[in-house]
Amino acid sequence: MKALFISILSFLSIVPFSQKLNAQSFEFFKLAPQVVSIPYIQDSTQFVQIKAVVKNNTTNTINFRFARLVNDLPAGWETQMCYDLCYSPFTDSIPLLGDPDYVLAPNQIDTFFYIDFIGESKGLGTAVVKMYNTADEYDFVQDTFRVGIGSINIEQTGNEISTSYKLEQNYPNPFNPETTISFSIPMNDNVSLKIYNLLGRELTSLLDNEPLKAGSYNYNFNAGNYSLTSGVYFYKLITSEFTDMKKMILVK
């Protein structure tokens, strides 16, 4: 059985895609889009590793721990939390009970935390992790980690083969929270479908170089899976021979 390992890394100098949730004394946020999407590969176990920043905003030493609050996964998937070392997928709190707390020196920043998503099937997995100060139960911060494997929200429509590439206007538009993005390709091709915000920043890849047969397709996009707020967004179709972008409006 083949295995595919993907690590989602970044530099501390960039602005992260996830929203920073500031605790009183520290920060904890992932270095990744709201949803990390990868193609489905049959008969392969796929690993997606997402790193996060841990930052002490004070001039005091902080003792802290991590707790996995949500682990909503397709059947057969697992997640495991890591901080210097990786723990069992069945472990919801690290370090283990009885082990010393993790420690952040004054003003320290590190990227030692990461979470692995491991799966063989198509689907969308969600994990919510909380970082908390062991000396103050009200001093905590959390972030949501999401991974999608395969184009689980796409369907081919009819048997007719299109004679040209085409990206349709999404319907309905405006929408809340779901809309359909339709497109056609006249030949077998690798297809990417990306979502951008008004500033042109890529939020996620709904399709990431996905091999599709010639035909017409509908993609059911649910903004609720991506924690999007009301506003203007853009979706872009990219193939080997064609690129097009259109605007859509989310109204909550």
C-alpha atoms as a PDB file:
ATOM      1  CA  MET A   1       0.000   0.000   0.000  1.00  0.00           C
ATOM      2  CA  LYS A   2       1.353   3.403  -0.937  1.00  0.00           C
ATOM      3  CA  ALA A   3       1.566   6.230   1.575  1.00  0.00           C
ATOM      4  CA  LEU A   4       1.440   9.954   0.895  1.00  0.00           C
ATOM      5  CA  PHE A   5       2.785  12.414   3.459  1.00  0.00           C
ATOM      6  CA  ILE A   6       1.998  16.117   3.210  1.00  0.00           C
ATOM      7  CA  SER A   7       3.325  18.682   5.662  1.00  0.00           C
ATOM      8  CA  ILE A   8       1.692  22.107   5.873  1.00  0.00           C
ATOM      9  CA  LEU A   9       4.502  24.453   6.881  1.00  0.00           C
ATOM     10  CA  SER A  10       5.057  28.170   6.768  1.00  0.00           C
ATOM     11  CA  PHE A  11       7.230  30.954   8.136  1.00  0.00           C
ATOM     12  CA  LEU A  12       6.483  32.995  11.229  1.00  0.00           C
ATOM     13  CA  SER A  13       6.687  36.178   9.164  1.00  0.00           C
ATOM     14  CA  ILE A  14       3.509  35.467   7.184  1.00  0.00           C
ATOM     15  CA  VAL A  15       0.005  36.321   8.320  1.00  0.00           C
ATOM     16  CA  PRO A  16      -1.698  32.992   9.084  1.00  0.00           C
ATOM     17  CA  PHE A  17      -4.935  32.067   7.334  1.00  0.00           C
ATOM     18  CA  SER A  18      -6.572  30.996  10.576  1.00  0.00           C
ATOM     19  CA  GLN A  19      -7.974  33.628  12.863  1.00  0.00           C
ATOM     20  CA  LYS A  20      -5.769  34.457  15.829  1.00  0.00           C
ATOM     21  CA  LEU A  21      -7.657  33.875  19.058  1.00  0.00           C
ATOM     22  CA  ASN A  22      -5.755  35.779  21.716  1.00  0.00           C
ATOM     23  CA  ALA A  23      -5.656  34.581  25.275  1.00  0.00           C
ATOM     24  CA  GLN A  24      -4.578  36.977  27.984  1.00  0.00           C
ATOM     25  CA  SER A  25      -1.009  35.722  28.015  1.00  0.00           C
ATOM     26  CA  PHE A  26      -0.359  33.662  24.874  1.00  0.00           C
ATOM     27  CA  GLU A  27      -1.358  32.849  21.296  1.00  0.00           C
ATOM     28  CA  PHE A  28      -1.998  29.563  19.492  1.00  0.00           C
ATOM     29  CA  PHE A  29      -2.862  29.468  15.784  1.00  0.00           C
ATOM     30  CA  LYS A  30      -2.309  27.139  12.837  1.00  0.00           C
ATOM     31  CA  LEU A  31      -0.126  27.879   9.821  1.00  0.00           C
ATOM     32  CA  ALA A  32      -2.568  26.665   7.180  1.00  0.00           C
ATOM     33  CA  PRO A  33      -5.742  27.593   5.281  1.00  0.00           C
ATOM     34  CA  GLN A  34      -9.121  27.084   6.945  1.00  0.00           C
ATOM     35  CA  VAL A  35      -9.344  23.720   5.168  1.00  0.00           C
ATOM     36  CA  VAL A  36      -6.324  21.836   3.833  1.00  0.00           C
ATOM     37  CA  SER A  37      -7.521  19.940   0.741  1.00  0.00           C
ATOM     38  CA  ILE A  38      -5.565  17.183  -0.995  1.00  0.00           C
ATOM     39  CA  PRO A  39      -6.460  14.796  -3.846  1.00  0.00           C
ATOM     40  CA  TYR A  40      -7.726  11.312  -3.082  1.00  0.00           C
ATOM     41  CA  ILE A  41      -5.341   8.520  -4.091  1.00  0.00           C
ATOM     42  CA  GLN A  42      -6.857   5.055  -4.177  1.00  0.00           C
ATOM     43  CA  ASP A  43      -5.248   2.360  -1.993  1.00  0.00           C
ATOM     44  CA  SER A  44      -3.080   4.934  -0.228  1.00  0.00           C
ATOM     45  CA  THR A  45      -2.812   5.987   3.390  1.00  0.00           C
ATOM     46  CA  GLN A  46      -2.471   9.763   3.377  1.00  0.00           C
ATOM     47  CA  PHE A  47      -0.882  11.865   6.110  1.00  0.00           C
ATOM     48  CA  VAL A  48      -1.441  15.595   6.424  1.00  0.00           C
ATOM     49  CA  GLN A  49       0.589  17.429   9.049  1.00  0.00           C
ATOM     50  CA  ILE A  50      -0.467  20.923  10.142  1.00  0.00           C
ATOM     51  CA  LYS A  51       1.839  23.022  12.297  1.00  0.00           C
ATOM     52  CA  ALA A  52       0.826  25.757  14.706  1.00  0.00           C
ATOM     53  CA  VAL A  53       2.505  28.709  16.381  1.00  0.00           C
ATOM     54  CA  VAL A  54       2.694  28.914  20.168  1.00  0.00           C
ATOM     55  CA  LYS A  55       3.642  32.336  21.520  1.00  0.00           C
ATOM     56  CA  ASN A  56       4.127  33.713  25.033  1.00  0.00           C
ATOM     57  CA  ASN A  57       3.056  37.374  25.083  1.00  0.00           C
ATOM     58  CA  THR A  58       4.288  38.057  28.609  1.00  0.00           C
ATOM     59  CA  THR A  59       7.547  38.501  30.478  1.00  0.00           C
ATOM     60  CA  ASN A  60       6.659  35.550  32.720  1.00  0.00           C
ATOM     61  CA  THR A  61       7.181  31.823  32.262  1.00  0.00           C
ATOM     62  CA  ILE A  62       3.960  29.959  31.362  1.00  0.00           C
ATOM     63  CA  ASN A  63       3.160  26.316  32.081  1.00  0.00           C
ATOM     64  CA  PHE A  64       0.624  24.937  29.622  1.00  0.00           C
ATOM     65  CA  ARG A  65      -1.043  21.873  28.112  1.00  0.00           C
ATOM     66  CA  PHE A  66      -3.094  20.936  25.036  1.00  0.00           C
ATOM     67  CA  ALA A  67      -6.545  19.329  24.944  1.00  0.00           C
ATOM     68  CA  ARG A  68      -8.299  17.978  21.843  1.00  0.00           C
ATOM     69  CA  LEU A  69     -11.906  19.123  22.268  1.00  0.00           C
ATOM     70  CA  VAL A  70     -13.335  17.883  18.946  1.00  0.00           C
ATOM     71  CA  ASN A  71     -12.219  14.953  16.790  1.00  0.00           C
ATOM     72  CA  ASP A  72     -14.894  14.701  14.075  1.00  0.00           C
ATOM     73  CA  LEU A  73     -13.496  12.319  11.454  1.00  0.00           C
ATOM     74  CA  PRO A  74     -14.695  10.020   8.651  1.00  0.00           C
ATOM     75  CA  ALA A  75     -14.698   6.308   9.456  1.00  0.00           C
ATOM     76  CA  GLY A  76     -11.183   4.918   9.559  1.00  0.00           C
ATOM     77  CA  TRP A  77      -9.440   8.287   9.998  1.00  0.00           C
ATOM     78  CA  GLU A  78      -7.235   9.233  12.950  1.00  0.00           C
ATOM     79  CA  THR A  79      -5.554  12.333  14.308  1.00  0.00           C
ATOM     80  CA  GLN A  80      -2.604  12.531  16.642  1.00  0.00           C
ATOM     81  CA  MET A  81      -1.235  15.528  18.517  1.00  0.00           C
ATOM     82  CA  CYS A  82       2.486  16.172  18.711  1.00  0.00           C
ATOM     83  CA  TYR A  83       4.644  18.520  20.737  1.00  0.00           C
ATOM     84  CA  ASP A  84       8.283  17.474  20.411  1.00  0.00           C
ATOM     85  CA  LEU A  85       6.987  13.895  20.296  1.00  0.00           C
ATOM     86  CA  CYS A  86       3.761  12.374  18.947  1.00  0.00           C
ATOM     87  CA  TYR A  87       1.122  10.721  21.107  1.00  0.00           C
ATOM     88  CA  SER A  88      -1.395   7.962  20.448  1.00  0.00           C
ATOM     89  CA  PRO A  89      -4.455   8.882  18.330  1.00  0.00           C
ATOM     90  CA  PHE A  90      -6.531   7.936  21.391  1.00  0.00           C
ATOM     91  CA  THR A  91      -4.868  10.619  23.538  1.00  0.00           C
ATOM     92  CA  ASP A  92      -7.010  13.753  23.970  1.00  0.00           C
ATOM     93  CA  SER A  93      -4.715  15.659  26.337  1.00  0.00           C
ATOM     94  CA  ILE A  94      -0.955  16.201  26.209  1.00  0.00           C
ATOM     95  CA  PRO A  95       1.367  15.852  27.982  1.00  0.00           C
ATOM     96  CA  LEU A  96       0.017  12.737  29.672  1.00  0.00           C
ATOM     97  CA  LEU A  97      -1.433  12.913  33.169  1.00  0.00           C
ATOM     98  CA  GLY A  98       1.426  12.906  35.653  1.00  0.00           C
ATOM     99  CA  ASP A  99       3.997  14.190  33.161  1.00  0.00           C
ATOM    100  CA  PRO A 100       5.463  17.707  33.587  1.00  0.00           C
ATOM    101  CA  ASP A 101       3.698  20.627  31.898  1.00  0.00           C
ATOM    102  CA  TYR A 102       5.097  22.207  28.768  1.00  0.00           C
ATOM    103  CA  VAL A 103       6.895  25.478  29.463  1.00  0.00           C
ATOM    104  CA  LEU A 104       7.168  28.702  27.467  1.00  0.00           C
ATOM    105  CA  ALA A 105       9.889  31.147  28.456  1.00  0.00           C
ATOM    106  CA  PRO A 106       9.086  34.884  28.514  1.00  0.00           C
ATOM    107  CA  ASN A 107       8.236  36.138  24.986  1.00  0.00           C
ATOM    108  CA  GLN A 108       9.101  32.736  23.497  1.00  0.00           C
ATOM    109  CA  ILE A 109       7.712  31.707  20.085  1.00  0.00           C
ATOM    110  CA  ASP A 110       7.859  28.147  18.771  1.00  0.00           C
ATOM    111  CA  THR A 111       6.293  25.837  16.189  1.00  0.00           C
ATOM    112  CA  PHE A 112       6.755  22.539  18.000  1.00  0.00           C
ATOM    113  CA  PHE A 113       3.020  21.730  18.007  1.00  0.00           C
ATOM    114  CA  TYR A 114       1.497  19.920  15.065  1.00  0.00           C
ATOM    115  CA  ILE A 115      -1.417  17.604  14.432  1.00  0.00           C
ATOM    116  CA  ASP A 116      -1.432  14.703  11.976  1.00  0.00           C
ATOM    117  CA  PHE A 117      -4.529  13.666  10.026  1.00  0.00           C
ATOM    118  CA  ILE A 118      -4.301  10.073   8.773  1.00  0.00           C
ATOM    119  CA  GLY A 119      -6.893   8.615   6.400  1.00  0.00           C
ATOM    120  CA  GLU A 120      -7.450   6.292   3.454  1.00  0.00           C
ATOM    121  CA  SER A 121     -10.948   7.387   2.347  1.00  0.00           C
ATOM    122  CA  LYS A 122     -12.476  10.557   0.944  1.00  0.00           C
ATOM    123  CA  GLY A 123     -13.930  12.920   3.496  1.00  0.00           C
ATOM    124  CA  LEU A 124     -13.601  16.009   5.664  1.00  0.00           C
ATOM    125  CA  GLY A 125     -12.021  15.761   9.109  1.00  0.00           C
ATOM    126  CA  THR A 126     -12.172  18.374  11.865  1.00  0.00           C
ATOM    127  CA  ALA A 127     -10.187  18.659  15.082  1.00  0.00           C
ATOM    128  CA  VAL A 128     -10.406  21.473  17.636  1.00  0.00           C
ATOM    129  CA  VAL A 129      -7.428  21.862  19.971  1.00  0.00           C
ATOM    130  CA  LYS A 130      -7.205  24.064  23.061  1.00  0.00           C
ATOM    131  CA  MET A 131      -3.992  25.375  24.610  1.00  0.00           C
ATOM    132  CA  TYR A 132      -4.461  26.358  28.251  1.00  0.00           C
ATOM    133  CA  ASN A 133      -2.493  27.828  31.124  1.00  0.00           C
ATOM    134  CA  THR A 134      -2.361  25.246  33.915  1.00  0.00           C
ATOM    135  CA  ALA A 135      -2.209  28.036  36.514  1.00  0.00           C
ATOM    136  CA  ASP A 136      -5.358  29.811  35.264  1.00  0.00           C
ATOM    137  CA  GLU A 137      -8.346  27.909  33.841  1.00  0.00           C
ATOM    138  CA  TYR A 138      -9.680  31.083  32.194  1.00  0.00           C
ATOM    139  CA  ASP A 139      -6.443  31.680  30.286  1.00  0.00           C
ATOM    140  CA  PHE A 140      -6.801  29.543  27.153  1.00  0.00           C
ATOM    141  CA  VAL A 141      -7.029  29.750  23.367  1.00  0.00           C
ATOM    142  CA  GLN A 142      -8.133  27.263  20.708  1.00  0.00           C
ATOM    143  CA  ASP A 143      -8.018  26.746  16.949  1.00  0.00           C
ATOM    144  CA  THR A 144      -9.787  24.498  14.434  1.00  0.00           C
ATOM    145  CA  PHE A 145      -7.875  22.192  12.098  1.00  0.00           C
ATOM    146  CA  ARG A 146      -9.650  20.794   9.001  1.00  0.00           C
ATOM    147  CA  VAL A 147      -8.455  18.432   6.279  1.00  0.00           C
ATOM    148  CA  GLY A 148     -10.353  17.298   3.184  1.00  0.00           C
ATOM    149  CA  ILE A 149      -9.256  14.296   1.136  1.00  0.00           C
ATOM    150  CA  GLY A 150     -10.693  14.014  -2.363  1.00  0.00           C
ATOM    151  CA  SER A 151     -13.445  15.876  -4.165  1.00  0.00           C
ATOM    152  CA  ILE A 152     -16.258  14.677  -1.910  1.00  0.00           C
ATOM    153  CA  ASN A 153     -18.674  17.442  -2.955  1.00  0.00           C
ATOM    154  CA  ILE A 154     -18.444  17.108  -6.734  1.00  0.00           C
ATOM    155  CA  GLU A 155     -20.653  15.198  -9.144  1.00  0.00           C
ATOM    156  CA  GLN A 156     -20.593  14.750 -12.907  1.00  0.00           C
ATOM    157  CA  THR A 157     -23.793  15.813 -14.660  1.00  0.00           C
ATOM    158  CA  GLY A 158     -25.056  13.833 -17.657  1.00  0.00           C
ATOM    159  CA  ASN A 159     -23.073  11.896 -20.246  1.00  0.00           C
ATOM    160  CA  GLU A 160     -22.549  14.617 -22.838  1.00  0.00           C
ATOM    161  CA  ILE A 161     -18.996  15.852 -23.359  1.00  0.00           C
ATOM    162  CA  SER A 162     -18.579  19.603 -23.552  1.00  0.00           C
ATOM    163  CA  THR A 163     -16.901  21.077 -26.627  1.00  0.00           C
ATOM    164  CA  SER A 164     -15.155  23.813 -24.630  1.00  0.00           C
ATOM    165  CA  TYR A 165     -13.953  24.823 -21.191  1.00  0.00           C
ATOM    166  CA  LYS A 166     -16.481  26.848 -19.221  1.00  0.00           C
ATOM    167  CA  LEU A 167     -16.938  28.146 -15.681  1.00  0.00           C
ATOM    168  CA  GLU A 168     -20.530  29.050 -14.783  1.00  0.00           C
ATOM    169  CA  GLN A 169     -21.801  31.645 -12.334  1.00  0.00           C
ATOM    170  CA  ASN A 170     -22.518  29.976  -9.009  1.00  0.00           C
ATOM    171  CA  TYR A 171     -26.172  29.436  -8.076  1.00  0.00           C
ATOM    172  CA  PRO A 172     -27.742  30.694  -5.926  1.00  0.00           C
ATOM    173  CA  ASN A 173     -25.851  33.955  -5.649  1.00  0.00           C
ATOM    174  CA  PRO A 174     -25.960  35.569  -3.112  1.00  0.00           C
ATOM    175  CA  PHE A 175     -26.030  32.395  -1.003  1.00  0.00           C
ATOM    176  CA  ASN A 176     -26.089  31.163   2.598  1.00  0.00           C
ATOM    177  CA  PRO A 177     -24.367  28.871   3.306  1.00  0.00           C
ATOM    178  CA  GLU A 178     -24.439  26.560   0.247  1.00  0.00           C
ATOM    179  CA  THR A 179     -24.093  27.237  -3.455  1.00  0.00           C
ATOM    180  CA  THR A 180     -23.322  25.204  -6.578  1.00  0.00           C
ATOM    181  CA  ILE A 181     -20.295  25.929  -8.758  1.00  0.00           C
ATOM    182  CA  SER A 182     -20.622  24.382 -12.239  1.00  0.00           C
ATOM    183  CA  PHE A 183     -17.934  23.946 -14.870  1.00  0.00           C
ATOM    184  CA  SER A 184     -17.196  21.945 -18.024  1.00  0.00           C
ATOM    185  CA  ILE A 185     -13.996  20.501 -19.482  1.00  0.00           C
ATOM    186  CA  PRO A 186     -13.786  19.123 -23.056  1.00  0.00           C
ATOM    187  CA  MET A 187     -11.041  16.577 -22.326  1.00  0.00           C
ATOM    188  CA  ASN A 188      -9.548  14.616 -19.455  1.00  0.00           C
ATOM    189  CA  ASP A 189      -7.602  17.113 -17.394  1.00  0.00           C
ATOM    190  CA  ASN A 190      -6.210  17.924 -13.955  1.00  0.00           C
ATOM    191  CA  VAL A 191      -8.495  20.501 -12.360  1.00  0.00           C
ATOM    192  CA  SER A 192      -8.052  22.931  -9.482  1.00  0.00           C
ATOM    193  CA  LEU A 193     -10.886  24.979  -7.988  1.00  0.00           C
ATOM    194  CA  LYS A 194      -9.767  27.620  -5.505  1.00  0.00           C
ATOM    195  CA  ILE A 195     -11.523  30.112  -3.231  1.00  0.00           C
ATOM    196  CA  TYR A 196     -10.109  33.600  -2.595  1.00  0.00           C
ATOM    197  CA  ASN A 197     -11.133  36.482  -0.376  1.00  0.00           C
ATOM    198  CA  LEU A 198     -11.585  40.077  -1.517  1.00  0.00           C
ATOM    199  CA  LEU A 199      -7.869  40.774  -0.956  1.00  0.00           C
ATOM    200  CA  GLY A 200      -6.896  37.962  -3.315  1.00  0.00           C
ATOM    201  CA  ARG A 201      -5.661  35.625  -0.591  1.00  0.00           C
ATOM    202  CA  GLU A 202      -6.288  31.951  -1.281  1.00  0.00           C
ATOM    203  CA  LEU A 203      -8.506  30.479   1.437  1.00  0.00           C
ATOM    204  CA  THR A 204      -8.709  26.883   0.246  1.00  0.00           C
ATOM    205  CA  SER A 205      -8.488  24.562  -2.750  1.00  0.00           C
ATOM    206  CA  LEU A 206     -11.781  22.741  -3.264  1.00  0.00           C
ATOM    207  CA  LEU A 207     -10.055  20.710  -5.978  1.00  0.00           C
ATOM    208  CA  ASP A 208      -6.282  20.469  -6.006  1.00  0.00           C
ATOM    209  CA  ASN A 209      -5.002  19.226  -9.367  1.00  0.00           C
ATOM    210  CA  GLU A 210      -7.770  16.616  -9.323  1.00  0.00           C
ATOM    211  CA  PRO A 211      -7.782  14.282 -12.376  1.00  0.00           C
ATOM    212  CA  LEU A 212     -11.255  14.532 -13.971  1.00  0.00           C
ATOM    213  CA  LYS A 213     -12.720  13.029 -17.118  1.00  0.00           C
ATOM    214  CA  ALA A 214     -14.148  15.209 -19.891  1.00  0.00           C
ATOM    215  CA  GLY A 215     -17.652  16.403 -18.998  1.00  0.00           C
ATOM    216  CA  SER A 216     -19.697  18.827 -16.913  1.00  0.00           C
ATOM    217  CA  TYR A 217     -19.508  18.999 -13.123  1.00  0.00           C
ATOM    218  CA  ASN A 218     -21.302  20.532 -10.157  1.00  0.00           C
ATOM    219  CA  TYR A 219     -19.407  21.324  -6.963  1.00  0.00           C
ATOM    220  CA  ASN A 220     -21.517  21.864  -3.841  1.00  0.00           C
ATOM    221  CA  PHE A 221     -19.704  24.545  -1.847  1.00  0.00           C
ATOM    222  CA  ASN A 222     -20.699  24.970   1.808  1.00  0.00           C
ATOM    223  CA  ALA A 223     -19.225  28.131   3.329  1.00  0.00           C
ATOM    224  CA  GLY A 224     -20.123  26.853   6.785  1.00  0.00           C
ATOM    225  CA  ASN A 225     -17.281  24.333   6.563  1.00  0.00           C
ATOM    226  CA  TYR A 226     -14.753  27.137   6.177  1.00  0.00           C
ATOM    227  CA  SER A 227     -15.830  29.614   8.891  1.00  0.00           C
ATOM    228  CA  LEU A 228     -16.406  32.335   6.294  1.00  0.00           C
ATOM    229  CA  THR A 229     -18.115  35.595   7.199  1.00  0.00           C
ATOM    230  CA  SER A 230     -20.502  37.585   5.009  1.00  0.00           C
ATOM    231  CA  GLY A 231     -18.774  39.234   2.080  1.00  0.00           C
ATOM    232  CA  VAL A 232     -17.470  38.960  -1.463  1.00  0.00           C
ATOM    233  CA  TYR A 233     -15.378  35.959  -2.479  1.00  0.00           C
ATOM    234  CA  PHE A 234     -13.919  34.681  -5.742  1.00  0.00           C
ATOM    235  CA  TYR A 235     -13.700  31.160  -7.123  1.00  0.00           C
ATOM    236  CA  LYS A 236     -11.142  30.229  -9.759  1.00  0.00           C
ATOM    237  CA  LEU A 237     -11.010  27.258 -12.130  1.00  0.00           C
ATOM    238  CA  ILE A 238      -7.523  26.216 -13.253  1.00  0.00           C
ATOM    239  CA  THR A 239      -6.741  23.505 -15.826  1.00  0.00           C
ATOM    240  CA  SER A 240      -3.850  22.814 -18.187  1.00  0.00           C
ATOM    241  CA  GLU A 241      -5.548  24.804 -20.975  1.00  0.00           C
ATOM    242  CA  PHE A 242      -7.957  27.194 -19.258  1.00  0.00           C
ATOM    243  CA  THR A 243      -8.295  29.580 -16.316  1.00  0.00           C
ATOM    244  CA  ASP A 244     -11.308  31.634 -15.276  1.00  0.00           C
ATOM    245  CA  MET A 245     -12.516  33.392 -12.135  1.00  0.00           C
ATOM    246  CA  LYS A 246     -15.934  34.596 -10.966  1.00  0.00           C
ATOM    247  CA  LYS A 247     -17.342  36.488  -7.990  1.00  0.00           C
ATOM    248  CA  MET A 248     -19.798  35.153  -5.418  1.00  0.00           C
ATOM    249  CA  ILE A 249     -21.450  36.798  -2.417  1.00  0.00           C
ATOM    250  CA  LEU A 250     -22.057  35.178   0.962  1.00  0.00           C
ATOM    251  CA  VAL A 251     -24.879  36.798   2.954  1.00  0.00           C
ATOM    252  CA  LYS A 252     -25.566  35.518   6.463  1.00  0.00           C
END
